[in-house]
Amino acid sequence: MDTIKEAATEFLTAKRVAVTGVSRNAKGHGSNVVYQRLRQRGYQVFAANPNAETVEGDIAYRDLKWIPGGVQAVVNGTKPETTDATMQECVELGIRQVWMHRGFGGGSVSPSAAEAGRKHGIRVIDGGRPLMFDPTADGAHKCMKFFLSMTGAVPKHVS
């Protein structure tokens, strides 16, 4: 079992990352913020949204299977009801790292998806946000990490 910092550091070494739940309407949408930041930091980032042709001016892929060349990691920003299907797709595609985005509230965390992923050898970070950790962090997200860590929305350890 690793600390959240160790797991986040490993996750953020992946250079090809898909973000699910990226919205056509970017305003105030957490997945869009993650998508934009990863792109700004030099990651090859791919938006997955079955209901959009483009997101943030980029091609939106129907699901993870449609991303040419695949990805190394997935940030899941969908509703928890959709997270199980996304995790199953990660299992099928051999994706080894999944981050279930969570800030205030339940976020995208699905206990059944986390269990299924771990059962298949996927490292699942079930809470917090990638933007709370370097090299993608900013001051606001670091402050958010401090407060959300106290509430349990950011896990202390990841298995």
N, C-alpha and C. Protein backbone atom coordinates (compact mmCIF):
# COMPACT_ATOMS: atom_id res chain seq x y z
N MET A 1 0.85 -1.18 0.00
CA MET A 1 0.00 0.00 0.00
C MET A 1 0.89 1.24 0.00
N ASP A 2 0.59 2.17 -0.91
CA ASP A 2 1.38 3.40 -1.04
C ASP A 2 0.62 4.59 -0.46
N THR A 3 1.35 5.62 -0.15
CA THR A 3 0.70 6.86 0.26
C THR A 3 0.04 7.48 -0.97
N ILE A 4 -0.90 8.38 -0.76
CA ILE A 4 -1.55 9.07 -1.87
C ILE A 4 -0.51 9.85 -2.67
N LYS A 5 0.47 10.42 -2.01
CA LYS A 5 1.50 11.18 -2.73
C LYS A 5 2.29 10.27 -3.67
N GLU A 6 2.67 9.09 -3.19
CA GLU A 6 3.39 8.14 -4.04
C GLU A 6 2.54 7.69 -5.23
N ALA A 7 1.27 7.40 -4.96
CA ALA A 7 0.37 6.96 -6.03
C ALA A 7 0.14 8.08 -7.04
N ALA A 8 -0.03 9.30 -6.56
CA ALA A 8 -0.24 10.44 -7.46
C ALA A 8 1.00 10.69 -8.31
N THR A 9 2.18 10.59 -7.71
CA THR A 9 3.42 10.78 -8.45
C THR A 9 3.53 9.76 -9.57
N GLU A 10 3.23 8.51 -9.27
CA GLU A 10 3.29 7.46 -10.29
C GLU A 10 2.24 7.72 -11.37
N PHE A 11 1.03 8.06 -10.98
CA PHE A 11 -0.04 8.32 -11.95
C PHE A 11 0.38 9.43 -12.90
N LEU A 12 0.95 10.48 -12.37
CA LEU A 12 1.29 11.65 -13.18
C LEU A 12 2.56 11.47 -14.02
N THR A 13 3.18 10.29 -13.95
CA THR A 13 4.27 10.00 -14.89
C THR A 13 3.72 9.52 -16.23
N ALA A 14 2.47 9.10 -16.26
CA ALA A 14 1.83 8.70 -17.52
C ALA A 14 1.71 9.94 -18.41
N LYS A 15 2.09 9.81 -19.65
CA LYS A 15 2.04 10.97 -20.55
C LYS A 15 0.82 10.96 -21.47
N ARG A 16 0.17 9.80 -21.61
CA ARG A 16 -1.06 9.69 -22.42
C ARG A 16 -2.20 9.38 -21.46
N VAL A 17 -3.06 10.37 -21.25
CA VAL A 17 -4.10 10.27 -20.24
C VAL A 17 -5.45 10.61 -20.85
N ALA A 18 -6.44 9.78 -20.59
CA ALA A 18 -7.81 10.08 -20.99
C ALA A 18 -8.54 10.69 -19.80
N VAL A 19 -9.42 11.62 -20.09
CA VAL A 19 -10.28 12.21 -19.06
C VAL A 19 -11.72 11.96 -19.49
N THR A 20 -12.45 11.19 -18.69
CA THR A 20 -13.84 10.93 -18.99
C THR A 20 -14.71 11.99 -18.31
N GLY A 21 -15.87 12.21 -18.90
CA GLY A 21 -16.79 13.18 -18.31
C GLY A 21 -16.49 14.62 -18.67
N VAL A 22 -15.60 14.83 -19.63
CA VAL A 22 -15.31 16.19 -20.08
C VAL A 22 -16.56 16.71 -20.79
N SER A 23 -17.00 17.90 -20.42
CA SER A 23 -18.27 18.43 -20.91
C SER A 23 -18.09 19.37 -22.10
N ARG A 24 -19.12 19.41 -22.95
CA ARG A 24 -19.13 20.37 -24.05
C ARG A 24 -19.21 21.79 -23.51
N ASN A 25 -19.81 21.95 -22.33
CA ASN A 25 -19.92 23.23 -21.66
C ASN A 25 -18.90 23.26 -20.53
N ALA A 26 -17.75 23.85 -20.80
CA ALA A 26 -16.61 23.77 -19.88
C ALA A 26 -16.80 24.52 -18.57
N LYS A 27 -17.64 25.51 -18.54
CA LYS A 27 -17.75 26.39 -17.37
C LYS A 27 -18.04 25.62 -16.07
N GLY A 28 -17.08 25.68 -15.16
CA GLY A 28 -17.24 25.11 -13.83
C GLY A 28 -17.26 23.60 -13.77
N HIS A 29 -16.88 22.93 -14.82
CA HIS A 29 -16.91 21.47 -14.83
C HIS A 29 -15.54 20.92 -14.48
N GLY A 30 -15.46 20.12 -13.42
CA GLY A 30 -14.19 19.62 -12.90
C GLY A 30 -13.36 18.85 -13.89
N SER A 31 -14.01 17.99 -14.70
CA SER A 31 -13.26 17.22 -15.69
C SER A 31 -12.61 18.12 -16.72
N ASN A 32 -13.28 19.19 -17.08
CA ASN A 32 -12.70 20.13 -18.05
C ASN A 32 -11.48 20.82 -17.47
N VAL A 33 -11.54 21.16 -16.20
CA VAL A 33 -10.38 21.80 -15.56
C VAL A 33 -9.19 20.85 -15.58
N VAL A 34 -9.43 19.58 -15.25
CA VAL A 34 -8.36 18.58 -15.28
C VAL A 34 -7.82 18.45 -16.71
N TYR A 35 -8.71 18.34 -17.67
CA TYR A 35 -8.33 18.20 -19.08
C TYR A 35 -7.44 19.36 -19.52
N GLN A 36 -7.90 20.58 -19.22
CA GLN A 36 -7.14 21.77 -19.62
C GLN A 36 -5.76 21.81 -18.97
N ARG A 37 -5.70 21.53 -17.67
CA ARG A 37 -4.43 21.60 -16.95
C ARG A 37 -3.44 20.57 -17.45
N LEU A 38 -3.90 19.34 -17.65
CA LEU A 38 -3.00 18.32 -18.16
C LEU A 38 -2.46 18.71 -19.53
N ARG A 39 -3.31 19.24 -20.37
CA ARG A 39 -2.89 19.69 -21.70
C ARG A 39 -1.85 20.81 -21.57
N GLN A 40 -2.10 21.76 -20.67
CA GLN A 40 -1.18 22.88 -20.46
C GLN A 40 0.18 22.39 -19.95
N ARG A 41 0.19 21.30 -19.20
CA ARG A 41 1.42 20.78 -18.61
C ARG A 41 2.16 19.80 -19.55
N GLY A 42 1.67 19.68 -20.77
CA GLY A 42 2.39 18.89 -21.76
C GLY A 42 1.98 17.44 -21.89
N TYR A 43 0.91 17.04 -21.23
CA TYR A 43 0.43 15.67 -21.38
C TYR A 43 -0.31 15.53 -22.71
N GLN A 44 -0.28 14.33 -23.27
CA GLN A 44 -1.17 14.00 -24.38
C GLN A 44 -2.47 13.59 -23.71
N VAL A 45 -3.46 14.42 -23.82
CA VAL A 45 -4.70 14.19 -23.09
C VAL A 45 -5.84 14.03 -24.09
N PHE A 46 -6.73 13.10 -23.78
CA PHE A 46 -7.82 12.75 -24.67
C PHE A 46 -9.14 12.85 -23.92
N ALA A 47 -10.11 13.54 -24.51
CA ALA A 47 -11.42 13.69 -23.90
C ALA A 47 -12.31 12.53 -24.32
N ALA A 48 -12.99 11.94 -23.36
CA ALA A 48 -13.95 10.88 -23.64
C ALA A 48 -15.34 11.37 -23.24
N ASN A 49 -16.20 11.46 -24.25
CA ASN A 49 -17.59 11.88 -24.02
C ASN A 49 -18.42 11.32 -25.18
N PRO A 50 -19.31 10.35 -24.90
CA PRO A 50 -20.09 9.74 -25.97
C PRO A 50 -21.11 10.67 -26.60
N ASN A 51 -21.33 11.83 -26.01
CA ASN A 51 -22.35 12.76 -26.49
C ASN A 51 -21.78 14.00 -27.17
N ALA A 52 -20.48 13.98 -27.45
CA ALA A 52 -19.86 15.16 -28.06
C ALA A 52 -18.90 14.75 -29.17
N GLU A 53 -18.82 15.58 -30.18
CA GLU A 53 -17.84 15.36 -31.25
C GLU A 53 -16.54 16.09 -30.93
N THR A 54 -16.66 17.25 -30.27
CA THR A 54 -15.48 18.00 -29.86
C THR A 54 -15.68 18.51 -28.43
N VAL A 55 -14.57 18.67 -27.76
CA VAL A 55 -14.55 19.22 -26.40
C VAL A 55 -13.29 20.06 -26.31
N GLU A 56 -13.43 21.29 -25.82
CA GLU A 56 -12.28 22.17 -25.65
C GLU A 56 -11.53 22.37 -26.98
N GLY A 57 -12.27 22.28 -28.10
CA GLY A 57 -11.66 22.45 -29.41
C GLY A 57 -10.93 21.21 -29.93
N ASP A 58 -10.96 20.12 -29.18
CA ASP A 58 -10.30 18.87 -29.56
C ASP A 58 -11.35 17.81 -29.87
N ILE A 59 -10.92 16.77 -30.55
CA ILE A 59 -11.80 15.64 -30.82
C ILE A 59 -12.20 15.01 -29.50
N ALA A 60 -13.48 14.68 -29.37
CA ALA A 60 -13.96 13.92 -28.22
C ALA A 60 -14.20 12.49 -28.69
N TYR A 61 -13.71 11.55 -27.93
CA TYR A 61 -13.84 10.14 -28.28
C TYR A 61 -15.04 9.54 -27.57
N ARG A 62 -15.71 8.67 -28.28
CA ARG A 62 -16.94 8.05 -27.78
C ARG A 62 -16.70 7.30 -26.46
N ASP A 63 -15.60 6.57 -26.43
CA ASP A 63 -15.18 5.88 -25.21
C ASP A 63 -13.69 5.61 -25.33
N LEU A 64 -13.13 4.94 -24.37
CA LEU A 64 -11.68 4.74 -24.33
C LEU A 64 -11.18 3.89 -25.50
N LYS A 65 -12.00 2.96 -25.98
CA LYS A 65 -11.59 2.09 -27.09
C LYS A 65 -11.32 2.86 -28.37
N TRP A 66 -11.91 4.04 -28.51
CA TRP A 66 -11.78 4.81 -29.73
C TRP A 66 -10.53 5.69 -29.77
N ILE A 67 -9.82 5.79 -28.69
CA ILE A 67 -8.63 6.66 -28.64
C ILE A 67 -7.49 5.98 -29.37
N PRO A 68 -7.01 6.58 -30.47
CA PRO A 68 -5.94 5.94 -31.24
C PRO A 68 -4.66 5.81 -30.42
N GLY A 69 -4.10 4.60 -30.40
CA GLY A 69 -2.86 4.37 -29.66
C GLY A 69 -3.07 4.11 -28.19
N GLY A 70 -4.32 4.22 -27.71
CA GLY A 70 -4.61 3.95 -26.31
C GLY A 70 -4.03 4.98 -25.35
N VAL A 71 -4.23 4.73 -24.08
CA VAL A 71 -3.72 5.62 -23.03
C VAL A 71 -3.10 4.79 -21.92
N GLN A 72 -2.31 5.45 -21.10
CA GLN A 72 -1.65 4.80 -19.97
C GLN A 72 -2.46 4.94 -18.68
N ALA A 73 -3.30 5.97 -18.63
CA ALA A 73 -4.04 6.26 -17.40
C ALA A 73 -5.34 6.96 -17.74
N VAL A 74 -6.30 6.88 -16.80
CA VAL A 74 -7.60 7.50 -16.98
C VAL A 74 -7.97 8.29 -15.73
N VAL A 75 -8.40 9.53 -15.94
CA VAL A 75 -9.03 10.30 -14.88
C VAL A 75 -10.53 10.19 -15.14
N ASN A 76 -11.23 9.57 -14.22
CA ASN A 76 -12.67 9.37 -14.38
C ASN A 76 -13.41 10.51 -13.71
N GLY A 77 -14.13 11.28 -14.52
CA GLY A 77 -14.89 12.41 -14.00
C GLY A 77 -16.37 12.28 -14.28
N THR A 78 -16.84 11.05 -14.47
CA THR A 78 -18.26 10.82 -14.74
C THR A 78 -19.03 10.63 -13.44
N LYS A 79 -20.32 10.48 -13.56
CA LYS A 79 -21.14 10.14 -12.39
C LYS A 79 -20.77 8.74 -11.92
N PRO A 80 -20.90 8.47 -10.62
CA PRO A 80 -20.54 7.15 -10.11
C PRO A 80 -21.26 6.00 -10.82
N GLU A 81 -22.48 6.24 -11.30
CA GLU A 81 -23.23 5.19 -11.98
C GLU A 81 -22.54 4.75 -13.27
N THR A 82 -21.72 5.61 -13.84
CA THR A 82 -21.01 5.32 -15.08
C THR A 82 -19.62 4.77 -14.81
N THR A 83 -19.12 4.96 -13.63
CA THR A 83 -17.75 4.59 -13.29
C THR A 83 -17.50 3.10 -13.43
N ASP A 84 -18.48 2.27 -13.10
CA ASP A 84 -18.30 0.82 -13.21
C ASP A 84 -18.04 0.41 -14.66
N ALA A 85 -18.80 0.99 -15.60
CA ALA A 85 -18.60 0.67 -17.02
C ALA A 85 -17.22 1.16 -17.50
N THR A 86 -16.81 2.32 -17.04
CA THR A 86 -15.49 2.84 -17.41
C THR A 86 -14.40 1.92 -16.87
N MET A 87 -14.57 1.45 -15.64
CA MET A 87 -13.57 0.55 -15.06
C MET A 87 -13.50 -0.74 -15.85
N GLN A 88 -14.64 -1.27 -16.25
CA GLN A 88 -14.65 -2.50 -17.04
C GLN A 88 -13.90 -2.29 -18.36
N GLU A 89 -14.10 -1.14 -18.96
CA GLU A 89 -13.38 -0.82 -20.19
C GLU A 89 -11.87 -0.75 -19.94
N CYS A 90 -11.48 -0.17 -18.82
CA CYS A 90 -10.04 -0.12 -18.47
C CYS A 90 -9.47 -1.52 -18.31
N VAL A 91 -10.23 -2.41 -17.67
CA VAL A 91 -9.80 -3.79 -17.51
C VAL A 91 -9.58 -4.42 -18.89
N GLU A 92 -10.56 -4.27 -19.78
CA GLU A 92 -10.49 -4.86 -21.12
C GLU A 92 -9.32 -4.32 -21.93
N LEU A 93 -9.00 -3.04 -21.75
CA LEU A 93 -7.95 -2.40 -22.53
C LEU A 93 -6.56 -2.51 -21.89
N GLY A 94 -6.49 -3.05 -20.68
CA GLY A 94 -5.21 -3.19 -20.01
C GLY A 94 -4.66 -1.90 -19.43
N ILE A 95 -5.53 -0.94 -19.17
CA ILE A 95 -5.12 0.33 -18.55
C ILE A 95 -4.86 0.05 -17.08
N ARG A 96 -3.72 0.43 -16.58
CA ARG A 96 -3.29 0.04 -15.23
C ARG A 96 -3.49 1.09 -14.16
N GLN A 97 -3.91 2.32 -14.54
CA GLN A 97 -4.06 3.38 -13.54
C GLN A 97 -5.36 4.14 -13.79
N VAL A 98 -6.16 4.26 -12.75
CA VAL A 98 -7.43 5.01 -12.85
C VAL A 98 -7.54 5.90 -11.62
N TRP A 99 -7.89 7.15 -11.88
CA TRP A 99 -8.12 8.11 -10.79
C TRP A 99 -9.59 8.50 -10.83
N MET A 100 -10.31 8.19 -9.77
CA MET A 100 -11.72 8.59 -9.64
C MET A 100 -11.76 9.97 -9.00
N HIS A 101 -12.08 10.95 -9.79
CA HIS A 101 -12.08 12.36 -9.41
C HIS A 101 -13.10 12.60 -8.29
N ARG A 102 -12.65 13.28 -7.24
CA ARG A 102 -13.56 13.62 -6.15
C ARG A 102 -13.08 14.89 -5.47
N GLY A 103 -13.99 15.80 -5.31
CA GLY A 103 -13.73 17.00 -4.54
C GLY A 103 -14.70 17.00 -3.38
N PHE A 104 -15.58 17.97 -3.38
CA PHE A 104 -16.63 18.04 -2.37
C PHE A 104 -17.77 17.15 -2.85
N GLY A 105 -18.35 16.36 -1.96
CA GLY A 105 -19.38 15.42 -2.37
C GLY A 105 -18.77 14.10 -2.80
N GLY A 106 -19.58 13.26 -3.42
CA GLY A 106 -19.14 11.92 -3.79
C GLY A 106 -18.27 11.86 -5.02
N GLY A 107 -18.38 12.86 -5.90
CA GLY A 107 -17.58 12.86 -7.12
C GLY A 107 -17.86 11.65 -7.98
N SER A 108 -16.82 11.07 -8.54
CA SER A 108 -16.93 9.93 -9.44
C SER A 108 -16.64 8.60 -8.76
N VAL A 109 -16.43 8.63 -7.47
CA VAL A 109 -16.02 7.43 -6.75
C VAL A 109 -17.15 6.41 -6.69
N SER A 110 -16.82 5.20 -7.11
CA SER A 110 -17.72 4.05 -7.03
C SER A 110 -16.97 2.94 -6.31
N PRO A 111 -17.39 2.57 -5.10
CA PRO A 111 -16.70 1.50 -4.39
C PRO A 111 -16.65 0.19 -5.18
N SER A 112 -17.72 -0.14 -5.89
CA SER A 112 -17.72 -1.39 -6.66
C SER A 112 -16.74 -1.32 -7.82
N ALA A 113 -16.61 -0.16 -8.46
CA ALA A 113 -15.63 -0.01 -9.55
C ALA A 113 -14.22 -0.08 -9.00
N ALA A 114 -13.97 0.54 -7.85
CA ALA A 114 -12.64 0.49 -7.24
C ALA A 114 -12.27 -0.95 -6.91
N GLU A 115 -13.19 -1.69 -6.35
CA GLU A 115 -12.94 -3.10 -6.01
C GLU A 115 -12.67 -3.92 -7.27
N ALA A 116 -13.47 -3.72 -8.30
CA ALA A 116 -13.28 -4.45 -9.56
C ALA A 116 -11.93 -4.12 -10.18
N GLY A 117 -11.56 -2.86 -10.18
CA GLY A 117 -10.28 -2.47 -10.75
C GLY A 117 -9.12 -3.10 -10.00
N ARG A 118 -9.15 -3.02 -8.70
CA ARG A 118 -8.06 -3.58 -7.89
C ARG A 118 -7.97 -5.10 -8.07
N LYS A 119 -9.12 -5.74 -8.20
CA LYS A 119 -9.16 -7.19 -8.42
C LYS A 119 -8.42 -7.56 -9.70
N HIS A 120 -8.42 -6.67 -10.67
CA HIS A 120 -7.76 -6.91 -11.95
C HIS A 120 -6.39 -6.23 -12.05
N GLY A 121 -5.82 -5.82 -10.92
CA GLY A 121 -4.47 -5.28 -10.90
C GLY A 121 -4.33 -3.83 -11.30
N ILE A 122 -5.44 -3.11 -11.31
CA ILE A 122 -5.40 -1.68 -11.63
C ILE A 122 -5.15 -0.90 -10.35
N ARG A 123 -4.26 0.07 -10.42
CA ARG A 123 -4.07 0.97 -9.28
C ARG A 123 -5.18 2.01 -9.36
N VAL A 124 -6.02 2.03 -8.35
CA VAL A 124 -7.17 2.93 -8.31
C VAL A 124 -6.95 3.96 -7.22
N ILE A 125 -7.00 5.22 -7.62
CA ILE A 125 -7.00 6.32 -6.65
C ILE A 125 -8.45 6.76 -6.56
N ASP A 126 -9.06 6.49 -5.44
CA ASP A 126 -10.50 6.74 -5.30
C ASP A 126 -10.78 7.96 -4.43
N GLY A 127 -10.42 9.11 -5.00
CA GLY A 127 -10.68 10.38 -4.34
C GLY A 127 -9.60 11.39 -4.62
N GLY A 128 -9.90 12.62 -4.31
CA GLY A 128 -8.98 13.70 -4.60
C GLY A 128 -8.97 14.02 -6.09
N ARG A 129 -8.02 14.82 -6.48
CA ARG A 129 -7.89 15.26 -7.86
C ARG A 129 -6.43 15.29 -8.25
N PRO A 130 -6.12 14.95 -9.50
CA PRO A 130 -4.72 15.00 -9.92
C PRO A 130 -4.12 16.40 -9.77
N LEU A 131 -4.94 17.42 -9.85
CA LEU A 131 -4.43 18.80 -9.81
C LEU A 131 -4.00 19.23 -8.41
N MET A 132 -4.15 18.34 -7.44
CA MET A 132 -3.72 18.63 -6.08
C MET A 132 -2.25 18.26 -5.86
N PHE A 133 -1.64 17.65 -6.88
CA PHE A 133 -0.29 17.10 -6.75
C PHE A 133 0.60 17.63 -7.87
N ASP A 134 1.89 17.83 -7.55
CA ASP A 134 2.85 18.26 -8.56
C ASP A 134 3.08 17.14 -9.55
N PRO A 135 3.27 17.42 -10.80
CA PRO A 135 3.57 18.70 -11.42
C PRO A 135 2.36 19.45 -11.97
N THR A 136 1.16 19.02 -11.62
CA THR A 136 -0.04 19.67 -12.16
C THR A 136 -0.70 20.63 -11.17
N ALA A 137 -0.21 20.68 -9.96
CA ALA A 137 -0.87 21.43 -8.89
C ALA A 137 -0.76 22.95 -9.05
N ASP A 138 -1.70 23.61 -8.41
CA ASP A 138 -1.65 25.06 -8.24
C ASP A 138 -2.01 25.34 -6.78
N GLY A 139 -1.86 26.57 -6.36
CA GLY A 139 -2.10 26.92 -4.96
C GLY A 139 -3.50 26.61 -4.48
N ALA A 140 -4.50 26.89 -5.31
CA ALA A 140 -5.89 26.65 -4.91
C ALA A 140 -6.13 25.15 -4.69
N HIS A 141 -5.61 24.32 -5.58
CA HIS A 141 -5.82 22.88 -5.43
C HIS A 141 -5.02 22.31 -4.26
N LYS A 142 -3.87 22.89 -3.96
CA LYS A 142 -3.11 22.44 -2.79
C LYS A 142 -3.87 22.76 -1.50
N CYS A 143 -4.50 23.92 -1.46
CA CYS A 143 -5.33 24.28 -0.30
C CYS A 143 -6.54 23.34 -0.20
N MET A 144 -7.15 23.08 -1.36
CA MET A 144 -8.29 22.18 -1.40
C MET A 144 -7.87 20.80 -0.89
N LYS A 145 -6.69 20.34 -1.28
CA LYS A 145 -6.19 19.04 -0.83
C LYS A 145 -6.08 19.00 0.69
N PHE A 146 -5.60 20.07 1.27
CA PHE A 146 -5.47 20.12 2.73
C PHE A 146 -6.82 19.91 3.40
N PHE A 147 -7.83 20.65 2.96
CA PHE A 147 -9.14 20.56 3.60
C PHE A 147 -9.85 19.24 3.28
N LEU A 148 -9.76 18.80 2.03
CA LEU A 148 -10.42 17.55 1.65
C LEU A 148 -9.75 16.33 2.28
N SER A 149 -8.47 16.43 2.58
CA SER A 149 -7.78 15.33 3.25
C SER A 149 -8.35 15.13 4.66
N MET A 150 -8.73 16.21 5.30
CA MET A 150 -9.30 16.12 6.64
C MET A 150 -10.68 15.49 6.64
N THR A 151 -11.40 15.57 5.52
CA THR A 151 -12.75 15.01 5.44
C THR A 151 -12.77 13.58 4.92
N GLY A 152 -11.62 13.09 4.44
CA GLY A 152 -11.56 11.75 3.88
C GLY A 152 -11.83 11.70 2.39
N ALA A 153 -12.06 12.85 1.75
CA ALA A 153 -12.31 12.88 0.31
C ALA A 153 -11.04 12.63 -0.49
N VAL A 154 -9.89 12.76 0.16
CA VAL A 154 -8.60 12.41 -0.45
C VAL A 154 -8.07 11.25 0.38
N PRO A 155 -7.89 10.09 -0.24
CA PRO A 155 -7.42 8.93 0.54
C PRO A 155 -5.99 9.14 1.03
N LYS A 156 -5.68 8.58 2.18
CA LYS A 156 -4.32 8.66 2.71
C LYS A 156 -3.42 7.63 2.03
N HIS A 157 -3.99 6.47 1.73
CA HIS A 157 -3.25 5.37 1.12
C HIS A 157 -4.00 4.81 -0.06
N VAL A 158 -3.26 4.24 -0.99
CA VAL A 158 -3.82 3.67 -2.21
C VAL A 158 -3.24 2.27 -2.38
N SER A 159 -4.12 1.33 -2.72
CA SER A 159 -3.63 -0.04 -2.95
C SER A 159 -3.91 -0.47 -4.37
